[in-house]
């Protein structure tokens, strides 16, 4: 089995999370500047066995596309072209940032850690991935 990589897309930063090789546990991986994501993904996928990619899909409360949804779909098209052998899965990401913030508070992380937006992005990606894993089993 390979890992599953999750992506929480943002115009400035992209949060990443990954499973263990047995696809049991989702853990934060990294937060990458948007402009550096393609090199990062090429390197990561080259060195790790990645089986699939999960992308957080930003929808409105009425389950409709938002302005960000268009950007995420465009990102996913490029991702599919670069890694045609990896299946892409969509996961609703509504409330993932709010849940990530609450999780960090409940976990006792420092206020300084929580204020670093990159940390929120990778925790959000972890929540997206955990949601995907819960539906998979």
C-alpha atoms as a PDB file:
ATOM      1  CA  UNK A   1       0.000   0.000   0.000  1.00  0.00           C
ATOM      2  CA  UNK A   2       1.065   3.549  -0.638  1.00  0.00           C
ATOM      3  CA  UNK A   3       0.376   6.736   1.197  1.00  0.00           C
ATOM      4  CA  UNK A   4      -2.562   9.027   0.492  1.00  0.00           C
ATOM      5  CA  UNK A   5      -1.639  12.685   0.166  1.00  0.00           C
ATOM      6  CA  UNK A   6      -4.142  15.412   1.034  1.00  0.00           C
ATOM      7  CA  UNK A   7      -4.097  18.972  -0.242  1.00  0.00           C
ATOM      8  CA  UNK A   8      -5.738  22.018   1.298  1.00  0.00           C
ATOM      9  CA  UNK A   9      -5.321  24.546  -1.525  1.00  0.00           C
ATOM     10  CA  UNK A  10      -4.853  28.227  -0.858  1.00  0.00           C
ATOM     11  CA  UNK A  11      -3.865  31.084  -3.113  1.00  0.00           C
ATOM     12  CA  UNK A  12      -0.817  31.852  -0.934  1.00  0.00           C
ATOM     13  CA  UNK A  13      -0.118  28.594   0.890  1.00  0.00           C
ATOM     14  CA  UNK A  14      -1.009  24.964   0.400  1.00  0.00           C
ATOM     15  CA  UNK A  15      -1.396  22.666   3.385  1.00  0.00           C
ATOM     16  CA  UNK A  16      -0.384  19.038   2.986  1.00  0.00           C
ATOM     17  CA  UNK A  17      -1.116  15.947   5.020  1.00  0.00           C
ATOM     18  CA  UNK A  18      -0.322  12.303   4.449  1.00  0.00           C
ATOM     19  CA  UNK A  19      -1.255   8.873   5.719  1.00  0.00           C
ATOM     20  CA  UNK A  20       1.096   6.236   6.963  1.00  0.00           C
ATOM     21  CA  UNK A  21       1.823   3.480   4.397  1.00  0.00           C
ATOM     22  CA  UNK A  22      -1.047   1.373   5.792  1.00  0.00           C
ATOM     23  CA  UNK A  23      -3.457   4.294   5.333  1.00  0.00           C
ATOM     24  CA  UNK A  24      -4.598   4.253   8.946  1.00  0.00           C
ATOM     25  CA  UNK A  25      -3.422   7.569  10.378  1.00  0.00           C
ATOM     26  CA  UNK A  26      -3.470  11.044   8.813  1.00  0.00           C
ATOM     27  CA  UNK A  27      -0.683  13.385   9.902  1.00  0.00           C
ATOM     28  CA  UNK A  28       0.315  16.926   8.931  1.00  0.00           C
ATOM     29  CA  UNK A  29       3.105  16.982   6.368  1.00  0.00           C
ATOM     30  CA  UNK A  30       3.983  20.553   5.445  1.00  0.00           C
ATOM     31  CA  UNK A  31       2.770  23.947   4.283  1.00  0.00           C
ATOM     32  CA  UNK A  32       4.242  25.115   0.984  1.00  0.00           C
ATOM     33  CA  UNK A  33       4.133  28.490  -0.750  1.00  0.00           C
ATOM     34  CA  UNK A  34       1.786  28.203  -3.707  1.00  0.00           C
ATOM     35  CA  UNK A  35       4.540  29.067  -6.193  1.00  0.00           C
ATOM     36  CA  UNK A  36       6.745  26.204  -4.966  1.00  0.00           C
ATOM     37  CA  UNK A  37       4.139  23.450  -4.811  1.00  0.00           C
ATOM     38  CA  UNK A  38       4.878  21.734  -8.112  1.00  0.00           C
ATOM     39  CA  UNK A  39       8.582  21.161  -7.354  1.00  0.00           C
ATOM     40  CA  UNK A  40       7.694  20.000  -3.853  1.00  0.00           C
ATOM     41  CA  UNK A  41       5.083  17.514  -5.089  1.00  0.00           C
ATOM     42  CA  UNK A  42       7.382  16.121  -7.800  1.00  0.00           C
ATOM     43  CA  UNK A  43      10.115  15.484  -5.231  1.00  0.00           C
ATOM     44  CA  UNK A  44       7.782  14.064  -2.589  1.00  0.00           C
ATOM     45  CA  UNK A  45       5.992  11.712  -4.976  1.00  0.00           C
ATOM     46  CA  UNK A  46       9.306  10.588  -6.446  1.00  0.00           C
ATOM     47  CA  UNK A  47      10.698   9.565  -3.043  1.00  0.00           C
ATOM     48  CA  UNK A  48       7.515   8.302  -1.348  1.00  0.00           C
ATOM     49  CA  UNK A  49       5.027   5.724  -2.509  1.00  0.00           C
ATOM     50  CA  UNK A  50       1.858   7.773  -3.005  1.00  0.00           C
ATOM     51  CA  UNK A  51      -1.228   5.830  -4.042  1.00  0.00           C
ATOM     52  CA  UNK A  52      -3.790   8.642  -4.334  1.00  0.00           C
ATOM     53  CA  UNK A  53      -4.388  12.339  -3.736  1.00  0.00           C
ATOM     54  CA  UNK A  54      -7.301  13.898  -1.865  1.00  0.00           C
ATOM     55  CA  UNK A  55      -8.118  17.525  -2.594  1.00  0.00           C
ATOM     56  CA  UNK A  56     -10.234  19.675  -0.319  1.00  0.00           C
ATOM     57  CA  UNK A  57     -13.181  21.098  -2.255  1.00  0.00           C
ATOM     58  CA  UNK A  58     -14.361  24.492  -0.996  1.00  0.00           C
ATOM     59  CA  UNK A  59     -18.122  24.697  -1.325  1.00  0.00           C
ATOM     60  CA  UNK A  60     -20.609  27.214   0.009  1.00  0.00           C
ATOM     61  CA  UNK A  61     -23.047  26.298   2.758  1.00  0.00           C
ATOM     62  CA  UNK A  62     -25.558  25.590  -0.024  1.00  0.00           C
ATOM     63  CA  UNK A  63     -23.113  23.079  -1.588  1.00  0.00           C
ATOM     64  CA  UNK A  64     -22.420  25.417  -4.493  1.00  0.00           C
ATOM     65  CA  UNK A  65     -19.092  26.383  -6.026  1.00  0.00           C
ATOM     66  CA  UNK A  66     -17.327  29.459  -4.662  1.00  0.00           C
ATOM     67  CA  UNK A  67     -14.739  31.689  -6.306  1.00  0.00           C
ATOM     68  CA  UNK A  68     -12.049  29.544  -4.701  1.00  0.00           C
ATOM     69  CA  UNK A  69     -13.622  26.370  -6.081  1.00  0.00           C
ATOM     70  CA  UNK A  70     -12.725  27.487  -9.605  1.00  0.00           C
ATOM     71  CA  UNK A  71      -9.063  27.893  -8.568  1.00  0.00           C
ATOM     72  CA  UNK A  72      -9.018  24.506  -6.863  1.00  0.00           C
ATOM     73  CA  UNK A  73     -10.502  22.762  -9.898  1.00  0.00           C
ATOM     74  CA  UNK A  74      -7.877  24.410 -12.127  1.00  0.00           C
ATOM     75  CA  UNK A  75      -5.151  23.275  -9.712  1.00  0.00           C
ATOM     76  CA  UNK A  76      -6.570  19.737  -9.795  1.00  0.00           C
ATOM     77  CA  UNK A  77      -6.502  19.687 -13.605  1.00  0.00           C
ATOM     78  CA  UNK A  78      -2.799  20.514 -13.593  1.00  0.00           C
ATOM     79  CA  UNK A  79      -2.224  17.961 -10.845  1.00  0.00           C
ATOM     80  CA  UNK A  80      -3.974  15.264 -12.907  1.00  0.00           C
ATOM     81  CA  UNK A  81      -1.860  16.159 -15.948  1.00  0.00           C
ATOM     82  CA  UNK A  82       1.403  15.991 -13.960  1.00  0.00           C
ATOM     83  CA  UNK A  83       0.546  12.766 -12.141  1.00  0.00           C
ATOM     84  CA  UNK A  84      -1.809  10.875 -14.475  1.00  0.00           C
ATOM     85  CA  UNK A  85      -1.301   7.562 -12.643  1.00  0.00           C
ATOM     86  CA  UNK A  86      -2.542   8.896  -9.310  1.00  0.00           C
ATOM     87  CA  UNK A  87      -6.287   8.905  -8.700  1.00  0.00           C
ATOM     88  CA  UNK A  88      -7.683  12.206  -7.427  1.00  0.00           C
ATOM     89  CA  UNK A  89     -10.464  12.283  -4.864  1.00  0.00           C
ATOM     90  CA  UNK A  90     -12.501  15.276  -3.731  1.00  0.00           C
ATOM     91  CA  UNK A  91     -13.383  15.863  -0.097  1.00  0.00           C
ATOM     92  CA  UNK A  92     -15.722  18.581   1.158  1.00  0.00           C
ATOM     93  CA  UNK A  93     -13.592  20.982   3.151  1.00  0.00           C
ATOM     94  CA  UNK A  94     -16.321  23.136   4.666  1.00  0.00           C
ATOM     95  CA  UNK A  95     -15.456  24.003   8.254  1.00  0.00           C
ATOM     96  CA  UNK A  96     -12.030  22.316   8.059  1.00  0.00           C
ATOM     97  CA  UNK A  97     -10.236  25.521   9.085  1.00  0.00           C
ATOM     98  CA  UNK A  98     -12.621  26.072  11.994  1.00  0.00           C
ATOM     99  CA  UNK A  99     -12.219  22.460  13.129  1.00  0.00           C
ATOM    100  CA  UNK A 100      -8.437  22.756  12.746  1.00  0.00           C
ATOM    101  CA  UNK A 101      -8.404  25.854  14.948  1.00  0.00           C
ATOM    102  CA  UNK A 102     -10.533  24.142  17.603  1.00  0.00           C
ATOM    103  CA  UNK A 103      -8.334  21.029  17.424  1.00  0.00           C
ATOM    104  CA  UNK A 104      -5.181  23.048  18.028  1.00  0.00           C
ATOM    105  CA  UNK A 105      -6.781  24.774  21.012  1.00  0.00           C
ATOM    106  CA  UNK A 106      -8.043  21.487  22.454  1.00  0.00           C
ATOM    107  CA  UNK A 107      -4.618  19.945  21.881  1.00  0.00           C
ATOM    108  CA  UNK A 108      -3.007  22.618  24.022  1.00  0.00           C
ATOM    109  CA  UNK A 109      -0.899  24.233  21.310  1.00  0.00           C
ATOM    110  CA  UNK A 110       0.524  27.620  22.125  1.00  0.00           C
ATOM    111  CA  UNK A 111      -1.081  30.817  20.912  1.00  0.00           C
ATOM    112  CA  UNK A 112       2.108  31.549  18.949  1.00  0.00           C
ATOM    113  CA  UNK A 113       1.856  28.206  17.115  1.00  0.00           C
ATOM    114  CA  UNK A 114      -1.828  28.780  16.329  1.00  0.00           C
ATOM    115  CA  UNK A 115      -1.150  32.258  14.922  1.00  0.00           C
ATOM    116  CA  UNK A 116       1.203  30.840  12.285  1.00  0.00           C
ATOM    117  CA  UNK A 117      -1.189  30.408   9.372  1.00  0.00           C
ATOM    118  CA  UNK A 118       0.912  27.648   7.827  1.00  0.00           C
ATOM    119  CA  UNK A 119       0.148  25.456  10.825  1.00  0.00           C
ATOM    120  CA  UNK A 120      -3.576  25.946  10.321  1.00  0.00           C
ATOM    121  CA  UNK A 121      -3.217  24.951   6.645  1.00  0.00           C
ATOM    122  CA  UNK A 122      -1.498  21.628   7.324  1.00  0.00           C
ATOM    123  CA  UNK A 123      -3.870  20.789  10.188  1.00  0.00           C
ATOM    124  CA  UNK A 124      -6.797  21.567   7.852  1.00  0.00           C
ATOM    125  CA  UNK A 125      -5.293  19.194   5.269  1.00  0.00           C
ATOM    126  CA  UNK A 126      -5.060  16.548   7.995  1.00  0.00           C
ATOM    127  CA  UNK A 127      -8.745  16.996   8.851  1.00  0.00           C
ATOM    128  CA  UNK A 128      -9.687  16.716   5.171  1.00  0.00           C
ATOM    129  CA  UNK A 129      -7.661  13.511   4.910  1.00  0.00           C
ATOM    130  CA  UNK A 130      -9.096  12.057   8.118  1.00  0.00           C
ATOM    131  CA  UNK A 131     -12.611  12.745   6.813  1.00  0.00           C
ATOM    132  CA  UNK A 132     -11.760  10.935   3.586  1.00  0.00           C
ATOM    133  CA  UNK A 133     -10.312   7.966   5.486  1.00  0.00           C
ATOM    134  CA  UNK A 134     -13.397   7.719   7.717  1.00  0.00           C
ATOM    135  CA  UNK A 135     -15.649   7.369   4.648  1.00  0.00           C
ATOM    136  CA  UNK A 136     -13.293   4.864   3.031  1.00  0.00           C
ATOM    137  CA  UNK A 137     -13.548   2.272   5.803  1.00  0.00           C
END
